[in-house]
Protein backbone atom coordinates (compact mmCIF):
# COMPACT_ATOMS: atom_id res chain seq x y z
CA MET A 1 193.96 18.91 138.62
CA THR A 2 197.62 18.09 138.19
CA SER A 3 200.05 19.12 140.93
CA ARG A 4 202.86 19.89 138.48
CA MET A 5 203.09 22.38 135.67
CA LYS A 6 205.40 23.77 133.02
CA SER A 7 206.89 27.15 133.82
CA VAL A 8 209.42 29.51 132.25
CA VAL A 9 212.38 29.94 134.59
CA VAL A 10 215.28 32.39 134.22
CA SER A 11 218.15 31.08 136.33
CA GLY A 12 220.42 34.12 136.21
CA ALA A 13 220.92 37.57 134.69
CA GLY A 14 221.10 37.25 130.92
CA GLY A 15 220.00 33.62 131.06
CA GLY A 16 217.62 31.85 128.74
CA TRP A 17 213.92 31.27 129.23
CA ASP A 18 213.97 27.59 130.16
CA LEU A 19 210.81 25.53 130.39
CA GLN A 20 210.90 23.58 133.64
CA ASP A 21 208.60 21.45 135.78
CA ARG A 22 207.37 23.18 138.92
CA ASP A 23 204.67 22.70 141.52
CA VAL A 24 201.33 24.32 140.81
CA PRO A 25 201.05 27.34 143.15
CA VAL A 26 199.02 27.08 146.35
CA VAL A 27 195.90 29.23 146.45
CA GLY A 28 195.93 31.38 149.59
CA PRO A 29 193.23 33.55 151.14
CA ASN A 30 191.92 36.21 148.71
CA ASP A 31 193.78 34.49 145.83
CA VAL A 32 192.58 32.94 142.61
CA LEU A 33 194.38 30.24 140.65
CA VAL A 34 194.45 31.05 136.95
CA ARG A 35 195.04 28.48 134.23
CA VAL A 36 197.14 30.65 131.93
CA ARG A 37 196.32 30.36 128.24
CA ALA A 38 198.44 33.20 126.87
CA CYS A 39 201.07 35.55 128.27
CA ALA A 40 202.73 38.36 126.32
CA ILE A 41 206.34 39.44 126.67
CA CYS A 42 206.78 42.97 128.02
CA GLY A 43 209.92 45.07 127.83
CA THR A 44 209.98 44.94 131.61
CA ASP A 45 210.28 41.14 131.40
CA LEU A 46 213.39 41.55 129.27
CA TRP A 47 214.98 44.03 131.68
CA LEU A 48 214.26 41.74 134.62
CA SER A 49 215.70 38.75 132.78
CA ASP A 50 218.85 40.69 131.92
CA GLY A 51 219.31 41.99 135.45
CA VAL A 52 218.80 45.62 134.41
CA LEU A 53 215.95 45.78 136.91
CA VAL A 54 216.50 43.85 140.14
CA PHE A 55 213.75 43.28 142.68
CA ARG A 56 214.65 39.82 143.99
CA GLU A 57 217.17 37.06 143.54
CA PHE A 58 217.22 34.62 140.65
CA PRO A 59 215.74 32.23 139.60
CA ILE A 60 212.66 34.15 138.53
CA VAL A 61 209.48 33.43 136.61
CA PRO A 62 208.64 36.51 134.52
CA GLY A 63 205.31 37.59 133.11
CA HIS A 64 202.49 40.00 133.95
CA GLU A 65 200.51 40.16 130.69
CA ALA A 66 198.54 36.92 131.10
CA ALA A 67 195.06 35.76 130.22
CA GLY A 68 193.29 32.57 131.22
CA GLU A 69 190.47 31.16 133.30
CA VAL A 70 189.97 30.87 137.04
CA VAL A 71 190.18 27.23 138.16
CA ALA A 72 190.15 27.71 141.95
CA VAL A 73 189.38 30.48 144.44
CA GLY A 74 190.78 31.02 147.91
CA GLU A 75 189.01 31.81 151.14
CA GLY A 76 187.40 35.25 151.15
CA VAL A 77 187.09 35.64 147.38
CA THR A 78 183.60 36.77 146.42
CA ASP A 79 184.06 38.69 143.17
CA ARG A 80 185.66 35.92 141.10
CA ALA A 81 184.39 32.41 140.40
CA VAL A 82 185.68 29.24 138.81
CA GLY A 83 185.26 29.56 135.05
CA ASP A 84 185.74 33.33 134.89
CA ARG A 85 187.84 34.49 131.95
CA VAL A 86 190.36 36.91 133.45
CA GLY A 87 193.43 38.94 132.71
CA VAL A 88 196.34 39.13 135.15
CA VAL A 89 197.99 42.50 135.68
CA MET A 90 201.26 43.49 137.32
CA ALA A 91 199.90 45.35 140.36
CA GLN A 92 198.23 42.71 142.54
CA LYS A 93 198.02 44.48 145.87
CA MET A 94 199.74 46.95 148.15
CA CYS A 95 200.88 46.30 151.70
CA GLY A 96 198.14 48.42 153.28
CA VAL A 97 200.24 49.66 156.19
CA CYS A 98 202.95 51.97 154.83
CA ASP A 99 202.56 55.76 154.74
CA TYR A 100 201.59 55.71 151.05
CA CYS A 101 198.93 53.07 151.59
CA ARG A 102 197.52 54.99 154.54
CA GLU A 103 196.73 57.80 152.10
CA GLU A 104 194.29 55.32 150.52
CA HIS A 105 195.30 55.68 146.90
CA PRO A 106 193.60 53.30 144.45
CA ILE A 107 195.40 50.08 143.58
CA SER A 108 197.35 50.73 140.39
CA PHE A 109 200.86 50.42 139.07
CA VAL A 110 201.53 53.93 140.38
CA GLY A 111 200.29 52.95 143.80
CA ALA A 112 202.24 49.71 143.83
CA ALA A 113 205.41 51.48 142.71
CA ASN A 114 205.16 53.81 145.70
CA CYS A 115 204.08 51.22 148.26
CA ALA A 116 206.78 50.04 150.64
CA ALA A 117 206.08 46.34 150.01
CA PRO A 118 203.88 45.77 146.94
CA THR A 119 203.00 42.45 145.36
CA LEU A 120 203.89 42.75 141.68
CA THR A 121 203.24 39.80 139.39
CA GLY A 122 206.45 38.65 137.72
CA VAL A 123 208.46 41.30 139.58
CA THR A 124 208.39 40.84 143.34
CA VAL A 125 206.77 37.39 143.07
CA ASP A 126 206.77 34.67 140.41
CA GLY A 127 204.92 35.64 137.29
CA ALA A 128 202.54 34.25 134.72
CA HIS A 129 204.81 32.70 132.09
CA ALA A 130 203.57 29.36 133.35
CA GLU A 131 200.61 27.05 133.01
CA TYR A 132 199.20 28.25 136.33
CA VAL A 133 199.62 31.37 138.44
CA ALA A 134 198.11 32.25 141.83
CA VAL A 135 197.36 35.94 142.26
CA ASP A 136 195.34 38.16 144.53
CA ALA A 137 191.82 38.44 143.10
CA GLY A 138 192.34 42.20 142.96
CA GLY A 139 195.16 41.63 140.47
CA THR A 140 192.74 40.30 137.85
CA VAL A 141 190.18 41.81 135.51
CA ILE A 142 187.23 40.13 133.78
CA LEU A 143 187.79 39.75 130.04
CA PRO A 144 185.10 40.56 127.47
CA ASP A 145 183.81 37.41 125.76
CA ALA A 146 184.68 38.85 122.35
CA VAL A 147 188.39 39.14 123.14
CA SER A 148 190.59 36.05 122.73
CA TYR A 149 193.21 35.19 125.33
CA GLU A 150 195.95 35.88 122.78
CA ASP A 151 194.62 39.35 121.94
CA ALA A 152 193.88 40.17 125.56
CA ALA A 153 197.41 39.48 126.79
CA PRO A 154 199.15 42.56 125.24
CA ILE A 155 196.35 44.85 126.41
CA LEU A 156 196.97 43.97 130.07
CA CYS A 157 200.11 46.09 130.11
CA ALA A 158 200.95 47.66 126.74
CA GLY A 159 197.40 48.58 125.78
CA TYR A 160 196.60 49.56 129.36
CA THR A 161 199.64 51.84 129.41
CA VAL A 162 198.89 53.79 126.23
CA TRP A 163 195.16 54.16 126.79
CA ALA A 164 195.68 55.28 130.40
CA GLY A 165 198.29 57.77 129.16
CA LEU A 166 195.95 59.20 126.55
CA ARG A 167 193.18 59.50 129.13
CA ARG A 168 195.57 61.17 131.57
CA ALA A 169 196.41 63.83 128.98
CA GLU A 170 192.71 64.78 128.69
CA PRO A 171 192.95 66.03 125.09
CA ARG A 172 190.13 68.29 123.97
CA PRO A 173 187.76 67.18 121.17
CA GLY A 174 189.44 67.52 117.80
CA ALA A 175 192.94 67.54 119.28
CA ARG A 176 196.00 66.42 117.35
CA VAL A 177 197.77 63.48 118.99
CA ALA A 178 201.31 62.49 117.99
CA VAL A 179 202.67 59.03 118.77
CA SER A 180 206.46 58.81 118.98
CA GLY A 181 207.54 55.28 118.05
CA VAL A 182 205.69 52.56 116.16
CA GLY A 183 206.39 49.44 118.21
CA GLY A 184 204.84 47.36 120.96
CA LEU A 185 203.29 50.41 122.62
CA GLY A 186 203.13 52.75 119.65
CA HIS A 187 201.16 50.52 117.29
CA LEU A 188 198.46 50.32 119.95
CA ALA A 189 198.62 54.03 120.81
CA ILE A 190 197.91 54.95 117.19
CA GLN A 191 194.81 52.77 117.18
CA TYR A 192 193.53 53.95 120.55
CA ALA A 193 193.97 57.62 119.65
CA LYS A 194 192.18 57.09 116.35
CA ALA A 195 189.38 55.11 118.03
CA ALA A 196 188.88 58.07 120.38
CA GLY A 197 188.38 60.36 117.40
CA PHE A 198 191.61 62.36 117.36
CA HIS A 199 193.80 63.40 114.44
CA VAL A 200 196.76 61.06 114.77
CA VAL A 201 200.34 61.72 113.66
CA ALA A 202 202.75 58.79 113.84
CA MET A 203 206.45 59.54 114.33
CA THR A 204 208.99 57.00 113.11
CA HIS A 205 212.47 56.97 111.57
CA SER A 206 211.78 53.60 109.91
CA PRO A 207 210.62 54.01 106.30
CA ASP A 208 209.18 50.47 106.31
CA LYS A 209 206.75 51.44 109.11
CA LYS A 210 205.18 54.39 107.26
CA ASP A 211 202.59 52.38 105.34
CA LEU A 212 201.90 50.27 108.41
CA ALA A 213 201.26 53.37 110.54
CA LEU A 214 198.75 54.60 107.97
CA GLN A 215 197.04 51.21 107.95
CA LEU A 216 196.79 51.36 111.75
CA GLY A 217 194.91 54.65 111.47
CA ALA A 218 197.49 57.42 111.44
CA ASP A 219 196.42 60.47 109.46
CA ASP A 220 200.02 61.60 108.92
CA VAL A 221 203.45 60.02 109.34
CA VAL A 222 206.52 62.15 110.08
CA SER A 223 210.10 61.42 111.02
CA ASP A 224 211.03 64.15 113.52
CA GLY A 225 209.92 67.21 115.44
CA ALA A 226 210.54 69.60 112.57
CA SER A 227 208.34 67.62 110.23
CA LEU A 228 205.73 67.27 112.98
CA LYS A 229 205.62 71.06 113.29
CA ALA A 230 205.37 71.42 109.51
CA ALA A 231 202.45 68.99 109.46
CA GLY A 232 200.50 71.10 111.93
CA GLY A 233 202.03 70.15 115.26
CA ALA A 234 200.47 68.21 118.12
CA ASP A 235 198.48 69.05 121.22
CA VAL A 236 199.47 65.78 122.88
CA LEU A 237 202.65 63.79 122.37
CA LEU A 238 202.51 60.15 123.45
CA HIS A 239 206.12 59.06 123.86
CA THR A 240 206.17 55.27 123.47
CA ASN A 241 209.66 54.41 122.28
CA SER A 242 212.80 53.53 124.22
CA SER A 243 214.77 56.68 123.39
CA HIS A 244 214.38 59.66 125.70
CA GLY A 245 216.40 61.68 123.24
CA ALA A 246 213.48 61.43 120.84
CA VAL A 247 211.32 63.38 123.32
CA THR A 248 213.43 66.53 123.08
CA ASP A 249 213.34 66.40 119.30
CA ALA A 250 209.63 65.66 119.08
CA MET A 251 208.79 68.54 121.43
CA THR A 252 209.83 71.02 118.73
CA GLY A 253 206.55 70.08 117.07
CA LEU A 254 204.43 70.45 120.22
CA ARG A 255 201.90 73.24 120.13
CA PRO A 256 201.66 75.88 122.90
CA TRP A 257 199.90 74.43 125.97
CA GLY A 258 200.72 70.97 124.64
CA LYS A 259 201.30 67.93 126.82
CA VAL A 260 203.98 65.26 126.65
CA VAL A 261 203.03 61.90 128.15
CA LEU A 262 206.02 59.72 128.98
CA MET A 263 205.31 55.99 128.90
CA GLY A 264 208.22 54.51 126.98
CA ILE A 265 211.25 53.75 129.15
CA GLY A 266 214.83 54.19 127.99
CA THR A 267 218.25 54.01 129.58
CA ASP A 268 219.44 57.38 128.23
CA ASP A 269 219.03 60.61 130.17
CA LEU A 270 215.92 62.70 129.70
CA VAL A 271 216.92 66.29 128.83
CA LEU A 272 214.11 68.79 128.39
CA PRO A 273 214.31 72.18 126.61
CA ALA A 274 213.71 74.53 129.54
CA LEU A 275 213.08 77.70 127.54
CA ALA A 276 210.57 76.09 125.19
CA LEU A 277 208.96 74.26 128.08
CA THR A 278 208.40 77.49 129.97
CA SER A 279 207.56 79.87 127.16
CA ASN A 280 205.04 77.47 125.60
CA SER A 281 203.51 76.32 128.91
CA HIS A 282 204.18 72.71 127.97
CA GLN A 283 203.35 69.98 130.49
CA VAL A 284 205.36 66.78 130.93
CA ILE A 285 203.37 63.93 132.45
CA GLY A 286 204.64 60.56 133.60
CA SER A 287 202.02 57.88 133.19
CA ALA A 288 201.88 54.16 133.96
CA HIS A 289 198.73 52.05 134.25
CA ASN A 290 196.72 54.42 136.43
CA THR A 291 193.35 52.97 137.54
CA VAL A 292 191.58 49.75 136.56
CA GLU A 293 188.77 51.63 134.80
CA HIS A 294 191.27 52.49 132.07
CA LEU A 295 192.08 48.81 131.56
CA VAL A 296 188.37 47.96 131.31
CA GLU A 297 187.98 50.67 128.68
CA ALA A 298 191.05 49.48 126.78
CA LEU A 299 189.72 45.92 126.64
CA ASP A 300 186.29 47.16 125.56
CA LEU A 301 187.77 48.97 122.55
CA VAL A 302 189.40 45.69 121.50
CA ALA A 303 186.11 43.82 121.99
CA ARG A 304 184.38 46.38 119.74
CA GLY A 305 186.94 45.80 116.98
CA LEU A 306 188.36 49.32 117.15
CA VAL A 307 191.81 48.19 118.31
CA THR A 308 193.63 45.01 117.28
CA PRO A 309 197.05 44.13 118.73
CA MET A 310 199.62 42.85 116.25
CA ILE A 311 201.00 39.66 117.77
CA GLU A 312 203.19 36.68 116.99
CA THR A 313 202.30 33.57 118.97
CA PHE A 314 204.68 30.90 120.21
CA PRO A 315 203.88 27.64 122.02
CA LYS A 316 205.46 27.32 125.45
CA GLU A 317 208.02 24.88 124.05
CA ARG A 318 209.43 27.81 122.03
CA ALA A 319 209.58 30.26 124.94
CA GLU A 320 213.30 30.90 124.53
CA GLU A 321 212.85 31.62 120.83
CA ALA A 322 210.10 34.11 121.67
CA HIS A 323 212.33 35.72 124.31
CA ALA A 324 215.31 35.96 121.96
CA ARG A 325 213.30 37.44 119.11
CA ALA A 326 211.58 39.96 121.38
CA ALA A 327 214.94 40.99 122.86
CA ALA A 328 216.35 41.48 119.35
CA GLY A 329 213.39 43.60 118.28
CA GLU A 330 212.39 41.10 115.64
CA VAL A 331 208.73 40.72 116.66
CA ARG A 332 205.96 42.85 115.19
CA PHE A 333 204.90 43.83 117.65
CA LYS A 334 204.09 41.69 120.65
CA ALA A 335 205.31 38.15 121.31
CA VAL A 336 202.63 36.03 122.98
CA ILE A 337 203.43 32.63 124.45
CA THR A 338 200.57 30.14 124.71
CA TYR A 339 200.36 27.71 127.61
C-alpha cells in the first residue's frame, strides 16, 4: 500500500478545499484504516472551514460522512476485518475518565459532545475527506451490501440525524409528521417519515420544491404554520432547516401535546412562544445522532429501497468546486466527493 495519499486540506478560516499530498495515517491500537471511497459534505464541515466552529487550529482535514473499506486493523480490533465495507461517523470515542463518561452513557454524538475530551472525526482530529482515514473501530458501522458508498455517505450524518430525531419523538401510529425545510436533512426526513408509515406534511417557502416534496413522499406541502394548521396540523414537527425563526412560525400548526424536534442548526436566536408552549403541553426536544442502532436502521431503510438520498458526486480533483457549491446552497441536496 502506498505511504502517501491525496487529502483535502483547509489552511485557514474561509480558505479553499485544497487537494494536497499527505502521509497515510498510522493505524494505532483499536483503530482501523479505511480506504475512503466517498465522503459527503455536511453543514458542520462548512462551519468548521469558515471558522464559525473552532475546535482546533488550522490546517484541518474536514469530513465525517465517509464510506469505504477496511484495509488494515490495529492491535486489539476484533469486530472489524480487512475487506469490511464500513461507514465512518463523527463520534469515534469518548475519553472514558471524565465525569460524564463515568456515568457510562452510550457512545453517540450526544455523549461525545458532553465528554471532556472526545475524539470527533473531522472536528477534533483530521477527517475523512481523504483517500485514507484511521479511526477507532467503534467509530465505524458495517454497511449493507445493497447500499453504495455514494448513497451511504449522506446517511452517516444527515440520514442518521433525521431518523434518530423521528425515533426520539416516538410518534404514535397514524401520527401526522411535519418536516420544516426541504434540503439536505429535510429531503431525507420526508422519506424516512413516509417509510415509517406516517402522514407527512412538508413545509417550504420555495415554490420549486413543492412538486419535489410530493415526489419524495409528502402527502401535503404547506408554506407556514398557519397553512399547516389549516391542513390538519402536526403531532410531530421535525425542524431541519437553518432558520430557528421558522420554528416559532411552524409551531402555530402544532397540535396539543405535539413535539418539536430540533435538528437543524441556525445562527439566529431560538425564541419559543411560552403561552402556546404551556397551554398546549408542547415538548421541545433537541436531537443529534443518538445511539448506533438508529444509524443501522437508517441504513437498512436505504438498503430496502424505501429511502434514497439525492446526491451530486464530484471527483476529489473537484473538491473545491463541491465545497463552493455546497456553501452557496446550489447542491440538491448532498454533495458527495469520491476518492
